[in-house]
Protein backbone atom coordinates (compact mmCIF):
# COMPACT_ATOMS: atom_id res chain seq x y z
CA MET A 1 0.06 -0.10 0.00
CA THR A 2 1.95 3.23 -1.26
CA LEU A 3 1.12 6.76 -1.92
CA ASP A 4 1.96 8.99 -5.28
CA SER A 5 5.45 10.70 -3.37
CA SER A 6 5.18 13.15 -5.94
CA ALA A 7 2.16 14.36 -4.37
CA ALA A 8 2.24 18.29 -2.78
CA PRO A 9 1.03 17.74 1.21
CA GLY A 10 -1.10 19.91 0.56
CA ASP A 11 -2.76 18.37 -2.49
CA ARG A 12 -3.10 15.36 0.16
CA ASP A 13 -4.61 16.84 2.76
CA GLY A 14 -7.30 17.94 0.21
CA ASP A 15 -7.44 14.24 -1.17
CA VAL A 16 -8.53 12.96 2.29
CA ASP A 17 -10.51 15.94 3.41
CA GLU A 18 -12.90 15.27 -0.14
CA GLU A 19 -13.02 11.33 0.34
CA LEU A 20 -14.25 11.71 3.74
CA HIS A 21 -16.82 14.36 2.68
CA ARG A 22 -17.41 11.96 -0.37
CA ALA A 23 -17.95 8.68 2.05
CA GLY A 24 -19.88 10.41 4.10
CA ALA A 25 -23.46 9.16 3.16
CA THR A 26 -22.34 6.07 1.44
CA TYR A 27 -20.61 5.20 4.93
CA PHE A 28 -24.12 5.31 6.79
CA LEU A 29 -25.89 4.11 4.27
CA GLY A 30 -23.49 0.87 3.72
CA ARG A 31 -23.55 0.25 7.64
CA MET A 32 -27.56 0.11 7.93
CA ILE A 33 -27.39 -2.40 5.15
CA LEU A 34 -23.66 -4.72 5.97
CA ILE A 35 -24.20 -4.58 9.84
CA PRO A 36 -27.64 -6.40 9.87
CA LEU A 37 -26.40 -8.43 6.83
CA THR A 38 -23.24 -9.52 8.12
CA ARG A 39 -25.29 -10.49 11.76
CA LEU A 40 -27.79 -12.51 9.73
CA ILE A 41 -25.33 -14.73 8.04
CA TYR A 42 -22.27 -14.88 10.50
CA ARG A 43 -23.67 -14.00 13.52
CA PRO A 44 -20.11 -12.73 14.42
CA ARG A 45 -19.27 -12.40 18.20
CA ILE A 46 -18.16 -8.95 19.65
CA GLU A 47 -16.36 -8.69 22.58
CA GLY A 48 -15.29 -5.33 24.52
CA ARG A 49 -17.29 -2.83 22.40
CA LYS A 50 -17.14 -0.64 25.52
CA ASN A 51 -13.59 -0.56 25.21
CA VAL A 52 -13.65 1.62 22.21
CA PRO A 53 -13.59 5.58 22.94
CA LYS A 54 -16.60 6.93 21.34
CA ASP A 55 -14.76 10.46 20.28
CA GLY A 56 -11.17 11.75 19.88
CA PRO A 57 -8.21 10.04 17.93
CA ILE A 58 -7.66 6.44 18.21
CA ILE A 59 -5.58 3.40 16.59
CA ILE A 60 -7.10 0.42 16.27
CA ALA A 61 -4.37 -2.74 16.12
CA SER A 62 -5.69 -6.04 14.72
CA ASN A 63 -4.19 -8.86 14.13
CA HIS A 64 -4.20 -10.09 10.25
CA LEU A 65 -5.71 -13.53 8.89
CA SER A 66 -8.35 -12.16 5.61
CA PHE A 67 -9.48 -9.78 3.69
CA ILE A 68 -12.80 -9.45 5.19
CA ASP A 69 -10.88 -7.97 8.87
CA SER A 70 -11.64 -4.98 6.96
CA ILE A 71 -14.74 -5.18 7.05
CA ALA A 72 -15.52 -7.28 10.13
CA ILE A 73 -13.76 -4.17 12.58
CA PRO A 74 -15.80 -1.77 10.72
CA VAL A 75 -19.11 -3.39 11.32
CA ALA A 76 -18.09 -3.97 14.80
CA ALA A 77 -16.73 -1.01 15.68
CA PRO A 78 -19.28 1.48 17.79
CA ARG A 79 -17.74 3.85 15.49
CA ARG A 80 -16.64 5.07 12.21
CA VAL A 81 -13.31 3.80 11.37
CA HIS A 82 -10.83 4.26 8.57
CA PHE A 83 -8.38 2.10 6.90
CA LEU A 84 -6.15 2.81 4.07
CA ALA A 85 -6.77 1.10 0.46
CA LYS A 86 -5.13 0.96 -2.69
CA SER A 87 -6.93 3.48 -5.14
CA SER A 88 -7.58 1.17 -7.67
CA TYR A 89 -10.52 -0.02 -5.39
CA PHE A 90 -12.01 3.14 -6.37
CA GLU A 91 -10.94 3.76 -10.04
CA GLY A 92 -13.34 1.85 -11.61
CA THR A 93 -15.88 2.43 -14.43
CA SER A 94 -17.64 -0.82 -15.00
CA LEU A 95 -20.89 -1.43 -13.10
CA LYS A 96 -18.51 -3.61 -11.22
CA GLY A 97 -16.16 -1.24 -11.08
CA ARG A 98 -18.53 1.31 -9.07
CA PHE A 99 -20.40 -1.24 -6.94
CA VAL A 100 -16.32 -2.04 -5.37
CA ALA A 101 -15.96 1.96 -5.00
CA SER A 102 -19.13 1.94 -2.80
CA PHE A 103 -18.77 -0.97 -1.04
CA MET A 104 -14.86 0.05 0.14
CA ARG A 105 -16.12 3.82 1.24
CA ALA A 106 -19.32 1.98 3.05
CA VAL A 107 -16.61 0.09 4.97
CA GLY A 108 -14.67 3.36 5.75
CA ALA A 109 -11.71 3.01 2.88
CA ILE A 110 -9.67 5.85 1.89
CA PRO A 111 -7.67 5.81 -1.67
CA VAL A 112 -4.42 6.31 -1.59
CA ARG A 113 -2.52 6.30 -4.64
CA ARG A 114 0.36 3.71 -5.26
CA GLY A 115 4.22 5.24 -5.35
CA ALA A 116 7.96 5.00 -4.67
CA GLY A 117 10.54 6.09 -2.14
CA GLN A 118 8.81 7.02 1.21
CA ALA A 119 5.43 5.14 0.78
CA ALA A 120 5.44 3.14 3.89
CA LEU A 121 6.03 7.08 5.64
CA ASP A 122 3.89 8.46 3.35
CA ALA A 123 0.69 6.11 4.45
CA LEU A 124 1.45 7.12 8.26
CA ASP A 125 1.46 10.39 7.42
CA GLU A 126 -2.24 10.17 6.17
CA GLN A 127 -3.14 8.25 9.00
CA ARG A 128 -1.94 11.12 11.16
CA LYS A 129 -3.93 13.59 9.49
CA LEU A 130 -6.91 11.34 10.06
CA LEU A 131 -6.04 11.10 13.88
CA ASP A 132 -5.10 15.10 13.95
CA ALA A 133 -8.93 15.25 12.94
CA GLY A 134 -10.15 13.67 15.93
CA LEU A 135 -10.79 10.04 13.85
CA ALA A 136 -10.36 6.48 14.12
CA VAL A 137 -8.20 4.28 12.11
CA ALA A 138 -7.27 0.66 12.04
CA LEU A 139 -3.40 -0.51 10.73
CA TYR A 140 -2.03 -4.37 11.25
CA PRO A 141 0.88 -4.17 12.99
CA GLU A 142 2.29 -7.38 11.46
CA GLY A 143 2.03 -5.50 8.10
CA THR A 144 0.03 -8.80 5.95
CA ARG A 145 -2.01 -11.71 6.25
CA SER A 146 -0.71 -14.28 8.19
CA THR A 147 -1.15 -17.39 6.00
CA ASP A 148 -0.66 -20.23 8.84
CA GLY A 149 -2.50 -18.62 11.18
CA ARG A 150 0.37 -17.75 13.50
CA LEU A 151 0.94 -14.18 15.51
CA TYR A 152 3.58 -12.51 13.44
CA LYS A 153 6.10 -9.58 15.13
CA GLY A 154 4.85 -6.16 15.06
CA ARG A 155 6.44 -3.89 13.01
CA THR A 156 7.11 0.14 14.38
CA GLY A 157 5.14 1.79 12.31
CA VAL A 158 1.91 1.69 14.56
CA ALA A 159 3.92 2.67 17.71
CA PHE A 160 5.53 5.19 15.75
CA LEU A 161 2.26 6.90 14.68
CA ALA A 162 0.96 6.62 18.31
CA LEU A 163 4.00 8.11 20.16
CA GLN A 164 3.96 10.99 17.51
CA THR A 165 0.16 12.03 17.84
CA GLY A 166 -0.66 10.65 21.13
CA ALA A 167 -3.36 8.97 20.23
CA LYS A 168 -4.46 5.85 22.23
CA VAL A 169 -4.29 2.30 20.68
CA VAL A 170 -7.23 -0.30 20.89
CA PRO A 171 -5.91 -3.68 20.54
CA VAL A 172 -8.21 -6.10 18.80
CA GLY A 173 -8.19 -9.91 18.12
CA VAL A 174 -10.33 -11.38 15.24
CA ILE A 175 -10.57 -15.01 15.29
CA GLY A 176 -12.22 -17.19 12.57
CA THR A 177 -12.17 -14.62 9.28
CA ASP A 178 -9.29 -17.09 8.01
CA LYS A 179 -12.12 -19.78 7.86
CA ALA A 180 -14.49 -17.48 6.82
CA MET A 181 -12.24 -16.39 3.96
CA PRO A 182 -9.30 -17.86 3.35
CA VAL A 183 -6.30 -16.24 1.44
CA GLY A 184 -6.55 -16.97 -1.92
CA ALA A 185 -10.90 -17.23 -1.82
CA LYS A 186 -13.10 -15.06 -3.81
CA MET A 187 -16.24 -14.97 -1.69
CA PRO A 188 -16.11 -15.62 1.94
CA LYS A 189 -17.85 -19.14 3.06
CA VAL A 190 -21.57 -18.69 4.50
CA GLY A 191 -22.01 -19.77 8.25
CA SER A 192 -18.66 -19.50 9.41
CA LYS A 193 -18.04 -18.46 12.97
CA VAL A 194 -16.26 -14.84 13.79
CA THR A 195 -15.37 -13.10 16.69
CA ILE A 196 -13.76 -9.40 17.33
CA ARG A 197 -12.49 -8.87 20.63
CA PHE A 198 -11.59 -5.33 21.21
CA GLY A 199 -9.43 -5.06 24.29
CA GLU A 200 -8.99 -1.94 26.65
CA PRO A 201 -6.90 1.34 25.09
CA LEU A 202 -3.28 1.15 25.17
CA ASP A 203 -1.51 4.90 26.35
CA LEU A 204 1.80 4.14 25.11
CA SER A 205 3.49 7.66 25.92
CA HIS A 206 5.49 5.89 29.15
CA HIS A 207 7.73 4.45 26.50
CA GLY A 208 9.18 7.49 25.43
CA GLU A 209 9.49 9.93 22.35
CA ALA A 210 8.48 8.72 18.47
CA ASN A 211 12.09 9.40 17.59
CA SER A 212 13.50 6.65 20.05
CA GLY A 213 13.57 3.08 18.47
CA ARG A 214 13.60 1.72 21.88
CA ALA A 215 10.70 3.32 22.61
CA ARG A 216 8.72 2.46 19.26
CA ARG A 217 10.17 -1.35 19.87
CA GLY A 218 8.86 -1.19 23.31
CA ALA A 219 5.45 -0.03 22.33
CA THR A 220 5.14 -2.23 19.59
CA ASP A 221 5.63 -5.37 21.68
CA GLU A 222 3.30 -3.89 24.17
CA ILE A 223 0.53 -3.87 21.46
CA MET A 224 1.58 -7.57 20.47
CA ALA A 225 1.15 -9.06 23.79
CA ALA A 226 -2.51 -7.22 23.79
CA ILE A 227 -3.51 -8.44 20.70
CA HIS A 228 -1.66 -11.88 21.44
CA ALA A 229 -3.78 -12.39 24.68
CA LEU A 230 -7.08 -11.43 22.87
CA SER A 231 -6.45 -13.46 19.38
CA GLU A 232 -4.77 -16.32 21.17
CA GLN A 233 -3.03 -17.10 18.43
CA GLU A 234 0.43 -19.24 18.14
CA LEU A 235 3.46 -17.06 18.07
CA ALA A 236 5.89 -16.96 15.14
CA GLY A 237 8.32 -15.01 16.76
CA VAL A 238 9.87 -13.79 13.43
CA TYR A 239 8.46 -11.12 10.87
CA ASN A 240 5.70 -11.73 8.74
CA GLU A 241 8.29 -11.06 5.38
CA VAL A 242 6.98 -11.20 1.65
CA PRO A 243 9.79 -13.81 0.24
CA ALA A 244 12.92 -11.42 -1.34
CA GLN A 245 13.43 -10.96 -4.79
CA GLY A 246 17.03 -11.05 -6.14
CA ALA A 247 20.30 -11.08 -4.05
CA ILE A 248 19.83 -7.08 -2.61
CA GLU A 249 16.88 -8.02 -1.46
CA LYS A 250 17.64 -11.02 0.41
CA ILE A 251 20.85 -9.12 1.57
CA LYS A 252 18.38 -6.09 2.87
CA GLN A 253 16.43 -8.85 4.94
CA ALA A 254 19.43 -10.69 6.41
CA LEU A 255 20.66 -7.47 8.09
CA PRO A 256 19.50 -6.16 11.27
CA HIS A 257 17.10 -2.90 10.41
CA GLU A 258 13.85 -1.67 11.96
CA ARG A 259 10.57 -3.16 10.23
CA ARG A 260 8.35 -0.29 9.66
């Protein structure tokens, strides 16, 4: 998930504001349809909704088992939740393309453009803007979906965002979404049992400043421990790395570095 790093910061601010305004009616209409439909089909068990603050900036940090995590969490949360999605989901002009765009807006997605360079940092910057506006954003500290059901080590980008903005982090454990829609499946299975557990908000400020690697790592480990307690997954003990392509990428993964 990347951004067009050639866009000026002011342009990106305007894009976010415009998209939030555009998605407003679609989001609320979507919730009116999605929530009863989801509960009818999956009868999800939702625990700890009271742990999600009703207002103010928060980061929802969850384990990641399936594409439908990004549907399950916004549907289960008691307030509007935003997450970033690649802009191609919003650009289709066919009937199917328009449906996909409307659906993504209905679950609180914000489109971002692909780009090069500081893509990961730019994505965090987009979410910082949402937090500065007092909104809730959802992030997956593992970085990508777990294909074997284990919980992987967290990358430090979520902690950086929390320490930089002062936003509290609500840990989430999703259970069963990998059975409802396994990686690679085109459609979710009907009747699968899904559980979404919201933990108590974490104030990570005691770890230190965002520019401290030690603080980011400590805050990340606290977030992942809370997610583990909720999801009850087996711990992988390693990062969920995309297989390296070429010798240079293999060397980069082998060398000590901070995973954002």
